[in-house]
Amino acid sequence: MFVLELTYTAPVERADALMDAHLAWLNAWYEEGVFIASGRKNPRDGGVVLAVGDDRARIEEIAAADPFAVEGVCSYRITEFIATKTAPGLGAYRQQPLS
């Protein structure tokens, strides 16, 4: 599992101008089952996405295609973690620790 942390590198007004394209990008990855949660940070200086996957390089490619990233509005920090404990509703995403 991955935490994708977006930090705006441009004024929020530039992000707002790209929001429809960003939301379409998000929705496509929700439909593919890669994204399971997302939202704005508070204070509003970026956002966070929870992504499911085993291939960090693929997650990096997905993040690089975000219209925010393409247009230079944000930078990404990607953190991989092993979800060994989850709420019952997220049990399908629970993982076994690596040896």
PDB file of N, CA and C in Angstrom:
ATOM      1  N   MET A   1       0.851  -1.162   0.000  1.00  0.00           N
ATOM      2  CA  MET A   1       0.000   0.000   0.000  1.00  0.00           C
ATOM      3  C   MET A   1       0.903   1.232   0.000  1.00  0.00           C
ATOM      4  N   PHE A   2       0.363   2.325  -0.503  1.00  0.00           N
ATOM      5  CA  PHE A   2       1.153   3.552  -0.637  1.00  0.00           C
ATOM      6  C   PHE A   2       0.362   4.762  -0.151  1.00  0.00           C
ATOM      7  N   VAL A   3       1.070   5.668   0.475  1.00  0.00           N
ATOM      8  CA  VAL A   3       0.533   6.989   0.798  1.00  0.00           C
ATOM      9  C   VAL A   3       1.180   7.959  -0.179  1.00  0.00           C
ATOM     10  N   LEU A   4       0.345   8.629  -0.964  1.00  0.00           N
ATOM     11  CA  LEU A   4       0.822   9.644  -1.900  1.00  0.00           C
ATOM     12  C   LEU A   4       0.479  10.997  -1.296  1.00  0.00           C
ATOM     13  N   GLU A   5       1.489  11.749  -0.907  1.00  0.00           N
ATOM     14  CA  GLU A   5       1.272  13.074  -0.339  1.00  0.00           C
ATOM     15  C   GLU A   5       1.625  14.124  -1.380  1.00  0.00           C
ATOM     16  N   LEU A   6       0.616  14.918  -1.743  1.00  0.00           N
ATOM     17  CA  LEU A   6       0.808  16.007  -2.693  1.00  0.00           C
ATOM     18  C   LEU A   6       1.050  17.288  -1.909  1.00  0.00           C
ATOM     19  N   THR A   7       2.023  18.069  -2.320  1.00  0.00           N
ATOM     20  CA  THR A   7       2.259  19.384  -1.744  1.00  0.00           C
ATOM     21  C   THR A   7       2.269  20.387  -2.890  1.00  0.00           C
ATOM     22  N   TYR A   8       1.417  21.395  -2.787  1.00  0.00           N
ATOM     23  CA  TYR A   8       1.358  22.401  -3.844  1.00  0.00           C
ATOM     24  C   TYR A   8       2.679  23.152  -3.940  1.00  0.00           C
ATOM     25  N   THR A   9       3.120  23.347  -5.169  1.00  0.00           N
ATOM     26  CA  THR A   9       4.339  24.099  -5.443  1.00  0.00           C
ATOM     27  C   THR A   9       4.014  25.384  -6.189  1.00  0.00           C
ATOM     28  N   ALA A  10       2.718  25.665  -6.322  1.00  0.00           N
ATOM     29  CA  ALA A  10       2.217  26.853  -7.007  1.00  0.00           C
ATOM     30  C   ALA A  10       1.024  27.362  -6.201  1.00  0.00           C
ATOM     31  N   PRO A  11       0.585  28.576  -6.452  1.00  0.00           N
ATOM     32  CA  PRO A  11      -0.584  29.084  -5.734  1.00  0.00           C
ATOM     33  C   PRO A  11      -1.798  28.170  -5.910  1.00  0.00           C
ATOM     34  N   VAL A  12      -2.613  28.082  -4.859  1.00  0.00           N
ATOM     35  CA  VAL A  12      -3.784  27.204  -4.875  1.00  0.00           C
ATOM     36  C   VAL A  12      -4.727  27.529  -6.039  1.00  0.00           C
ATOM     37  N   GLU A  13      -4.713  28.754  -6.505  1.00  0.00           N
ATOM     38  CA  GLU A  13      -5.560  29.131  -7.642  1.00  0.00           C
ATOM     39  C   GLU A  13      -5.185  28.337  -8.906  1.00  0.00           C
ATOM     40  N   ARG A  14      -3.904  28.026  -9.066  1.00  0.00           N
ATOM     41  CA  ARG A  14      -3.479  27.194 -10.208  1.00  0.00           C
ATOM     42  C   ARG A  14      -4.001  25.777 -10.059  1.00  0.00           C
ATOM     43  N   ALA A  15      -3.993  25.269  -8.838  1.00  0.00           N
ATOM     44  CA  ALA A  15      -4.561  23.938  -8.596  1.00  0.00           C
ATOM     45  C   ALA A  15      -6.058  23.951  -8.865  1.00  0.00           C
ATOM     46  N   ASP A  16      -6.741  24.986  -8.420  1.00  0.00           N
ATOM     47  CA  ASP A  16      -8.177  25.088  -8.657  1.00  0.00           C
ATOM     48  C   ASP A  16      -8.503  25.071 -10.149  1.00  0.00           C
ATOM     49  N   ALA A  17      -7.677  25.713 -10.947  1.00  0.00           N
ATOM     50  CA  ALA A  17      -7.901  25.759 -12.391  1.00  0.00           C
ATOM     51  C   ALA A  17      -7.761  24.380 -13.032  1.00  0.00           C
ATOM     52  N   LEU A  18      -7.008  23.493 -12.391  1.00  0.00           N
ATOM     53  CA  LEU A  18      -6.786  22.137 -12.907  1.00  0.00           C
ATOM     54  C   LEU A  18      -7.624  21.087 -12.182  1.00  0.00           C
ATOM     55  N   MET A  19      -8.493  21.517 -11.275  1.00  0.00           N
ATOM     56  CA  MET A  19      -9.203  20.575 -10.408  1.00  0.00           C
ATOM     57  C   MET A  19     -10.059  19.576 -11.183  1.00  0.00           C
ATOM     58  N   ASP A  20     -10.761  20.011 -12.214  1.00  0.00           N
ATOM     59  CA  ASP A  20     -11.602  19.066 -12.968  1.00  0.00           C
ATOM     60  C   ASP A  20     -10.758  17.959 -13.583  1.00  0.00           C
ATOM     61  N   ALA A  21      -9.622  18.313 -14.157  1.00  0.00           N
ATOM     62  CA  ALA A  21      -8.737  17.310 -14.756  1.00  0.00           C
ATOM     63  C   ALA A  21      -8.155  16.396 -13.674  1.00  0.00           C
ATOM     64  N   HIS A  22      -7.797  16.967 -12.536  1.00  0.00           N
ATOM     65  CA  HIS A  22      -7.265  16.176 -11.420  1.00  0.00           C
ATOM     66  C   HIS A  22      -8.319  15.188 -10.927  1.00  0.00           C
ATOM     67  N   LEU A  23      -9.558  15.641 -10.783  1.00  0.00           N
ATOM     68  CA  LEU A  23     -10.628  14.764 -10.313  1.00  0.00           C
ATOM     69  C   LEU A  23     -10.913  13.642 -11.310  1.00  0.00           C
ATOM     70  N   ALA A  24     -10.849  13.937 -12.596  1.00  0.00           N
ATOM     71  CA  ALA A  24     -11.037  12.903 -13.618  1.00  0.00           C
ATOM     72  C   ALA A  24      -9.923  11.855 -13.504  1.00  0.00           C
ATOM     73  N   TRP A  25      -8.691  12.307 -13.285  1.00  0.00           N
ATOM     74  CA  TRP A  25      -7.551  11.409 -13.093  1.00  0.00           C
ATOM     75  C   TRP A  25      -7.789  10.535 -11.860  1.00  0.00           C
ATOM     76  N   LEU A  26      -8.192  11.145 -10.740  1.00  0.00           N
ATOM     77  CA  LEU A  26      -8.496  10.385  -9.526  1.00  0.00           C
ATOM     78  C   LEU A  26      -9.567   9.334  -9.800  1.00  0.00           C
ATOM     79  N   ASN A  27     -10.669   9.758 -10.421  1.00  0.00           N
ATOM     80  CA  ASN A  27     -11.790   8.852 -10.660  1.00  0.00           C
ATOM     81  C   ASN A  27     -11.385   7.650 -11.495  1.00  0.00           C
ATOM     82  N   ALA A  28     -10.530   7.859 -12.478  1.00  0.00           N
ATOM     83  CA  ALA A  28     -10.074   6.748 -13.317  1.00  0.00           C
ATOM     84  C   ALA A  28      -9.341   5.702 -12.479  1.00  0.00           C
ATOM     85  N   TRP A  29      -8.532   6.144 -11.519  1.00  0.00           N
ATOM     86  CA  TRP A  29      -7.779   5.199 -10.696  1.00  0.00           C
ATOM     87  C   TRP A  29      -8.645   4.575  -9.613  1.00  0.00           C
ATOM     88  N   TYR A  30      -9.689   5.269  -9.173  1.00  0.00           N
ATOM     89  CA  TYR A  30     -10.677   4.636  -8.288  1.00  0.00           C
ATOM     90  C   TYR A  30     -11.368   3.504  -9.042  1.00  0.00           C
ATOM     91  N   GLU A  31     -11.762   3.757 -10.268  1.00  0.00           N
ATOM     92  CA  GLU A  31     -12.434   2.733 -11.080  1.00  0.00           C
ATOM     93  C   GLU A  31     -11.544   1.518 -11.306  1.00  0.00           C
ATOM     94  N   GLU A  32     -10.235   1.731 -11.400  1.00  0.00           N
ATOM     95  CA  GLU A  32      -9.280   0.627 -11.581  1.00  0.00           C
ATOM     96  C   GLU A  32      -9.001  -0.116 -10.277  1.00  0.00           C
ATOM     97  N   GLY A  33      -9.475   0.428  -9.150  1.00  0.00           N
ATOM     98  CA  GLY A  33      -9.242  -0.204  -7.855  1.00  0.00           C
ATOM     99  C   GLY A  33      -7.898   0.112  -7.243  1.00  0.00           C
ATOM    100  N   VAL A  34      -7.178   1.081  -7.815  1.00  0.00           N
ATOM    101  CA  VAL A  34      -5.860   1.440  -7.296  1.00  0.00           C
ATOM    102  C   VAL A  34      -5.977   2.424  -6.139  1.00  0.00           C
ATOM    103  N   PHE A  35      -6.863   3.401  -6.228  1.00  0.00           N
ATOM    104  CA  PHE A  35      -7.039   4.376  -5.155  1.00  0.00           C
ATOM    105  C   PHE A  35      -8.211   3.935  -4.278  1.00  0.00           C
ATOM    106  N   ILE A  36      -8.027   4.059  -2.961  1.00  0.00           N
ATOM    107  CA  ILE A  36      -9.099   3.683  -2.040  1.00  0.00           C
ATOM    108  C   ILE A  36      -9.548   4.828  -1.137  1.00  0.00           C
ATOM    109  N   ALA A  37      -8.794   5.922  -1.097  1.00  0.00           N
ATOM    110  CA  ALA A  37      -9.186   7.104  -0.323  1.00  0.00           C
ATOM    111  C   ALA A  37      -8.335   8.279  -0.785  1.00  0.00           C
ATOM    112  N   SER A  38      -8.917   9.477  -0.696  1.00  0.00           N
ATOM    113  CA  SER A  38      -8.164  10.683  -1.054  1.00  0.00           C
ATOM    114  C   SER A  38      -8.866  11.893  -0.470  1.00  0.00           C
ATOM    115  N   GLY A  39      -8.125  12.993  -0.393  1.00  0.00           N
ATOM    116  CA  GLY A  39      -8.712  14.238   0.073  1.00  0.00           C
ATOM    117  C   GLY A  39      -7.679  15.328   0.249  1.00  0.00           C
ATOM    118  N   ARG A  40      -8.189  16.514   0.506  1.00  0.00           N
ATOM    119  CA  ARG A  40      -7.332  17.686   0.744  1.00  0.00           C
ATOM    120  C   ARG A  40      -6.697  17.619   2.118  1.00  0.00           C
ATOM    121  N   LYS A  41      -5.502  18.189   2.218  1.00  0.00           N
ATOM    122  CA  LYS A  41      -4.886  18.357   3.526  1.00  0.00           C
ATOM    123  C   LYS A  41      -5.481  19.609   4.174  1.00  0.00           C
ATOM    124  N   ASN A  42      -5.395  19.649   5.489  1.00  0.00           N
ATOM    125  CA  ASN A  42      -5.846  20.816   6.234  1.00  0.00           C
ATOM    126  C   ASN A  42      -4.704  21.261   7.131  1.00  0.00           C
ATOM    127  N   PRO A  43      -4.068  22.407   6.877  1.00  0.00           N
ATOM    128  CA  PRO A  43      -4.486  23.445   5.935  1.00  0.00           C
ATOM    129  C   PRO A  43      -4.303  22.988   4.483  1.00  0.00           C
ATOM    130  N   ARG A  44      -4.994  23.677   3.589  1.00  0.00           N
ATOM    131  CA  ARG A  44      -5.043  23.285   2.188  1.00  0.00           C
ATOM    132  C   ARG A  44      -3.751  23.652   1.455  1.00  0.00           C
ATOM    133  N   ASP A  45      -2.752  22.809   1.637  1.00  0.00           N
ATOM    134  CA  ASP A  45      -1.481  23.001   0.926  1.00  0.00           C
ATOM    135  C   ASP A  45      -1.160  21.783   0.068  1.00  0.00           C
ATOM    136  N   GLY A  46      -2.179  20.953  -0.187  1.00  0.00           N
ATOM    137  CA  GLY A  46      -2.005  19.761  -0.988  1.00  0.00           C
ATOM    138  C   GLY A  46      -3.060  18.738  -0.657  1.00  0.00           C
ATOM    139  N   GLY A  47      -2.720  17.464  -0.822  1.00  0.00           N
ATOM    140  CA  GLY A  47      -3.673  16.402  -0.569  1.00  0.00           C
ATOM    141  C   GLY A  47      -2.968  15.093  -0.269  1.00  0.00           C
ATOM    142  N   VAL A  48      -3.783  14.069  -0.017  1.00  0.00           N
ATOM    143  CA  VAL A  48      -3.285  12.738   0.295  1.00  0.00           C
ATOM    144  C   VAL A  48      -4.127  11.726  -0.464  1.00  0.00           C
ATOM    145  N   VAL A  49      -3.472  10.688  -1.000  1.00  0.00           N
ATOM    146  CA  VAL A  49      -4.148   9.592  -1.676  1.00  0.00           C
ATOM    147  C   VAL A  49      -3.618   8.290  -1.082  1.00  0.00           C
ATOM    148  N   LEU A  50      -4.519   7.353  -0.761  1.00  0.00           N
ATOM    149  CA  LEU A  50      -4.118   6.007  -0.386  1.00  0.00           C
ATOM    150  C   LEU A  50      -4.276   5.132  -1.612  1.00  0.00           C
ATOM    151  N   ALA A  51      -3.207   4.436  -1.981  1.00  0.00           N
ATOM    152  CA  ALA A  51      -3.200   3.610  -3.188  1.00  0.00           C
ATOM    153  C   ALA A  51      -2.801   2.184  -2.843  1.00  0.00           C
ATOM    154  N   VAL A  52      -3.382   1.249  -3.577  1.00  0.00           N
ATOM    155  CA  VAL A  52      -3.096  -0.165  -3.405  1.00  0.00           C
ATOM    156  C   VAL A  52      -2.254  -0.627  -4.577  1.00  0.00           C
ATOM    157  N   GLY A  53      -1.199  -1.353  -4.288  1.00  0.00           N
ATOM    158  CA  GLY A  53      -0.364  -1.889  -5.354  1.00  0.00           C
ATOM    159  C   GLY A  53       0.883  -2.538  -4.807  1.00  0.00           C
ATOM    160  N   ASP A  54       1.528  -3.323  -5.641  1.00  0.00           N
ATOM    161  CA  ASP A  54       2.759  -3.999  -5.253  1.00  0.00           C
ATOM    162  C   ASP A  54       3.982  -3.429  -5.954  1.00  0.00           C
ATOM    163  N   ASP A  55       3.760  -2.563  -6.927  1.00  0.00           N
ATOM    164  CA  ASP A  55       4.836  -2.088  -7.793  1.00  0.00           C
ATOM    165  C   ASP A  55       5.029  -0.582  -7.609  1.00  0.00           C
ATOM    166  N   ARG A  56       6.054  -0.223  -6.854  1.00  0.00           N
ATOM    167  CA  ARG A  56       6.297   1.200  -6.582  1.00  0.00           C
ATOM    168  C   ARG A  56       6.506   1.990  -7.869  1.00  0.00           C
ATOM    169  N   ALA A  57       7.219   1.416  -8.820  1.00  0.00           N
ATOM    170  CA  ALA A  57       7.456   2.123 -10.080  1.00  0.00           C
ATOM    171  C   ALA A  57       6.142   2.459 -10.771  1.00  0.00           C
ATOM    172  N   ARG A  58       5.173   1.550 -10.717  1.00  0.00           N
ATOM    173  CA  ARG A  58       3.867   1.801 -11.335  1.00  0.00           C
ATOM    174  C   ARG A  58       3.144   2.931 -10.602  1.00  0.00           C
ATOM    175  N   ILE A  59       3.193   2.940  -9.291  1.00  0.00           N
ATOM    176  CA  ILE A  59       2.563   4.016  -8.511  1.00  0.00           C
ATOM    177  C   ILE A  59       3.229   5.350  -8.843  1.00  0.00           C
ATOM    178  N   GLU A  60       4.541   5.366  -9.000  1.00  0.00           N
ATOM    179  CA  GLU A  60       5.243   6.591  -9.376  1.00  0.00           C
ATOM    180  C   GLU A  60       4.804   7.072 -10.759  1.00  0.00           C
ATOM    181  N   GLU A  61       4.602   6.157 -11.699  1.00  0.00           N
ATOM    182  CA  GLU A  61       4.109   6.523 -13.036  1.00  0.00           C
ATOM    183  C   GLU A  61       2.715   7.137 -12.955  1.00  0.00           C
ATOM    184  N   ILE A  62       1.862   6.523 -12.146  1.00  0.00           N
ATOM    185  CA  ILE A  62       0.499   7.038 -11.979  1.00  0.00           C
ATOM    186  C   ILE A  62       0.540   8.455 -11.420  1.00  0.00           C
ATOM    187  N   ALA A  63       1.347   8.677 -10.376  1.00  0.00           N
ATOM    188  CA  ALA A  63       1.459  10.006  -9.767  1.00  0.00           C
ATOM    189  C   ALA A  63       1.996  11.027 -10.766  1.00  0.00           C
ATOM    190  N   ALA A  64       2.964  10.622 -11.565  1.00  0.00           N
ATOM    191  CA  ALA A  64       3.557  11.546 -12.542  1.00  0.00           C
ATOM    192  C   ALA A  64       2.560  11.973 -13.610  1.00  0.00           C
ATOM    193  N   ALA A  65       1.505  11.187 -13.813  1.00  0.00           N
ATOM    194  CA  ALA A  65       0.494  11.520 -14.819  1.00  0.00           C
ATOM    195  C   ALA A  65      -0.630  12.396 -14.274  1.00  0.00           C
ATOM    196  N   ASP A  66      -0.627  12.650 -12.978  1.00  0.00           N
ATOM    197  CA  ASP A  66      -1.622  13.557 -12.392  1.00  0.00           C
ATOM    198  C   ASP A  66      -1.487  14.918 -13.079  1.00  0.00           C
ATOM    199  N   PRO A  67      -2.582  15.502 -13.560  1.00  0.00           N
ATOM    200  CA  PRO A  67      -2.485  16.831 -14.178  1.00  0.00           C
ATOM    201  C   PRO A  67      -1.800  17.868 -13.285  1.00  0.00           C
ATOM    202  N   PHE A  68      -1.944  17.749 -11.971  1.00  0.00           N
ATOM    203  CA  PHE A  68      -1.242  18.660 -11.063  1.00  0.00           C
ATOM    204  C   PHE A  68       0.268  18.517 -11.238  1.00  0.00           C
ATOM    205  N   ALA A  69       0.753  17.271 -11.334  1.00  0.00           N
ATOM    206  CA  ALA A  69       2.187  17.036 -11.502  1.00  0.00           C
ATOM    207  C   ALA A  69       2.640  17.446 -12.898  1.00  0.00           C
ATOM    208  N   VAL A  70       1.866  17.087 -13.908  1.00  0.00           N
ATOM    209  CA  VAL A  70       2.215  17.412 -15.299  1.00  0.00           C
ATOM    210  C   VAL A  70       2.374  18.916 -15.476  1.00  0.00           C
ATOM    211  N   GLU A  71       1.497  19.683 -14.852  1.00  0.00           N
ATOM    212  CA  GLU A  71       1.509  21.140 -14.988  1.00  0.00           C
ATOM    213  C   GLU A  71       2.385  21.836 -13.949  1.00  0.00           C
ATOM    214  N   GLY A  72       3.093  21.076 -13.124  1.00  0.00           N
ATOM    215  CA  GLY A  72       4.024  21.660 -12.158  1.00  0.00           C
ATOM    216  C   GLY A  72       3.357  22.354 -10.994  1.00  0.00           C
ATOM    217  N   VAL A  73       2.171  21.910 -10.627  1.00  0.00           N
ATOM    218  CA  VAL A  73       1.423  22.535  -9.534  1.00  0.00           C
ATOM    219  C   VAL A  73       1.725  21.873  -8.189  1.00  0.00           C
ATOM    220  N   CYS A  74       2.208  20.625  -8.229  1.00  0.00           N
ATOM    221  CA  CYS A  74       2.487  19.931  -6.971  1.00  0.00           C
ATOM    222  C   CYS A  74       3.705  19.035  -7.114  1.00  0.00           C
ATOM    223  N   SER A  75       4.227  18.648  -5.967  1.00  0.00           N
ATOM    224  CA  SER A  75       5.243  17.599  -5.917  1.00  0.00           C
ATOM    225  C   SER A  75       4.632  16.452  -5.127  1.00  0.00           C
ATOM    226  N   TYR A  76       5.164  15.268  -5.345  1.00  0.00           N
ATOM    227  CA  TYR A  76       4.675  14.074  -4.665  1.00  0.00           C
ATOM    228  C   TYR A  76       5.735  13.510  -3.749  1.00  0.00           C
ATOM    229  N   ARG A  77       5.291  13.058  -2.592  1.00  0.00           N
ATOM    230  CA  ARG A  77       6.107  12.236  -1.686  1.00  0.00           C
ATOM    231  C   ARG A  77       5.347  10.921  -1.570  1.00  0.00           C
ATOM    232  N   ILE A  78       5.981   9.824  -1.944  1.00  0.00           N
ATOM    233  CA  ILE A  78       5.329   8.527  -1.948  1.00  0.00           C
ATOM    234  C   ILE A  78       5.972   7.652  -0.888  1.00  0.00           C
ATOM    235  N   THR A  79       5.130   7.142   0.011  1.00  0.00           N
ATOM    236  CA  THR A  79       5.593   6.279   1.091  1.00  0.00           C
ATOM    237  C   THR A  79       4.910   4.931   0.961  1.00  0.00           C
ATOM    238  N   GLU A  80       5.712   3.885   0.888  1.00  0.00           N
ATOM    239  CA  GLU A  80       5.163   2.530   0.839  1.00  0.00           C
ATOM    240  C   GLU A  80       5.090   1.987   2.258  1.00  0.00           C
ATOM    241  N   PHE A  81       3.990   1.287   2.569  1.00  0.00           N
ATOM    242  CA  PHE A  81       3.892   0.636   3.870  1.00  0.00           C
ATOM    243  C   PHE A  81       3.129  -0.674   3.733  1.00  0.00           C
ATOM    244  N   ILE A  82       3.321  -1.536   4.703  1.00  0.00           N
ATOM    245  CA  ILE A  82       2.644  -2.824   4.745  1.00  0.00           C
ATOM    246  C   ILE A  82       1.476  -2.683   5.720  1.00  0.00           C
ATOM    247  N   ALA A  83       0.257  -2.798   5.212  1.00  0.00           N
ATOM    248  CA  ALA A  83      -0.953  -2.620   6.021  1.00  0.00           C
ATOM    249  C   ALA A  83      -1.261  -3.923   6.758  1.00  0.00           C
ATOM    250  N   THR A  84      -0.579  -4.157   7.863  1.00  0.00           N
ATOM    251  CA  THR A  84      -0.746  -5.407   8.608  1.00  0.00           C
ATOM    252  C   THR A  84      -1.976  -5.384   9.513  1.00  0.00           C
ATOM    253  N   LYS A  85      -2.514  -4.208   9.771  1.00  0.00           N
ATOM    254  CA  LYS A  85      -3.732  -4.084  10.576  1.00  0.00           C
ATOM    255  C   LYS A  85      -4.632  -3.074   9.883  1.00  0.00           C
ATOM    256  N   THR A  86      -5.923  -3.429   9.778  1.00  0.00           N
ATOM    257  CA  THR A  86      -6.896  -2.551   9.128  1.00  0.00           C
ATOM    258  C   THR A  86      -8.212  -2.595   9.886  1.00  0.00           C
ATOM    259  N   ALA A  87      -9.058  -1.619   9.626  1.00  0.00           N
ATOM    260  CA  ALA A  87     -10.435  -1.672  10.090  1.00  0.00           C
ATOM    261  C   ALA A  87     -11.115  -2.837   9.377  1.00  0.00           C
ATOM    262  N   PRO A  88     -12.158  -3.416   9.975  1.00  0.00           N
ATOM    263  CA  PRO A  88     -12.814  -4.563   9.350  1.00  0.00           C
ATOM    264  C   PRO A  88     -13.232  -4.326   7.893  1.00  0.00           C
ATOM    265  N   GLY A  89     -13.707  -3.141   7.568  1.00  0.00           N
ATOM    266  CA  GLY A  89     -14.135  -2.839   6.208  1.00  0.00           C
ATOM    267  C   GLY A  89     -13.003  -2.798   5.198  1.00  0.00           C
ATOM    268  N   LEU A  90     -11.776  -2.731   5.674  1.00  0.00           N
ATOM    269  CA  LEU A  90     -10.608  -2.710   4.793  1.00  0.00           C
ATOM    270  C   LEU A  90      -9.826  -4.016   4.847  1.00  0.00           C
ATOM    271  N   GLY A  91     -10.440  -5.047   5.370  1.00  0.00           N
ATOM    272  CA  GLY A  91      -9.767  -6.332   5.523  1.00  0.00           C
ATOM    273  C   GLY A  91      -9.184  -6.879   4.235  1.00  0.00           C
ATOM    274  N   ALA A  92      -9.804  -6.577   3.106  1.00  0.00           N
ATOM    275  CA  ALA A  92      -9.290  -7.062   1.815  1.00  0.00           C
ATOM    276  C   ALA A  92      -7.915  -6.487   1.500  1.00  0.00           C
ATOM    277  N   TYR A  93      -7.550  -5.389   2.151  1.00  0.00           N
ATOM    278  CA  TYR A  93      -6.259  -4.734   1.882  1.00  0.00           C
ATOM    279  C   TYR A  93      -5.187  -5.112   2.898  1.00  0.00           C
ATOM    280  N   ARG A  94      -5.539  -5.923   3.888  1.00  0.00           N
ATOM    281  CA  ARG A  94      -4.582  -6.333   4.913  1.00  0.00           C
ATOM    282  C   ARG A  94      -3.480  -7.156   4.283  1.00  0.00           C
ATOM    283  N   GLN A  95      -2.248  -6.931   4.731  1.00  0.00           N
ATOM    284  CA  GLN A  95      -1.099  -7.606   4.156  1.00  0.00           C
ATOM    285  C   GLN A  95      -0.315  -8.343   5.239  1.00  0.00           C
ATOM    286  N   GLN A  96       0.427  -9.330   4.815  1.00  0.00           N
ATOM    287  CA  GLN A  96       1.327 -10.044   5.714  1.00  0.00           C
ATOM    288  C   GLN A  96       2.662  -9.318   5.728  1.00  0.00           C
ATOM    289  N   PRO A  97       3.287  -9.211   6.905  1.00  0.00           N
ATOM    290  CA  PRO A  97       4.604  -8.556   6.945  1.00  0.00           C
ATOM    291  C   PRO A  97       5.627  -9.340   6.138  1.00  0.00           C
ATOM    292  N   LEU A  98       6.543  -8.608   5.557  1.00  0.00           N
ATOM    293  CA  LEU A  98       7.644  -9.244   4.830  1.00  0.00           C
ATOM    294  C   LEU A  98       8.630  -9.810   5.833  1.00  0.00           C
ATOM    295  N   SER A  99       9.244 -10.905   5.507  1.00  0.00           N
ATOM    296  CA  SER A  99      10.215 -11.543   6.432  1.00  0.00           C
ATOM    297  C   SER A  99      11.419 -10.686   6.625  1.00  0.00           C
TER     298      SER A  99
END
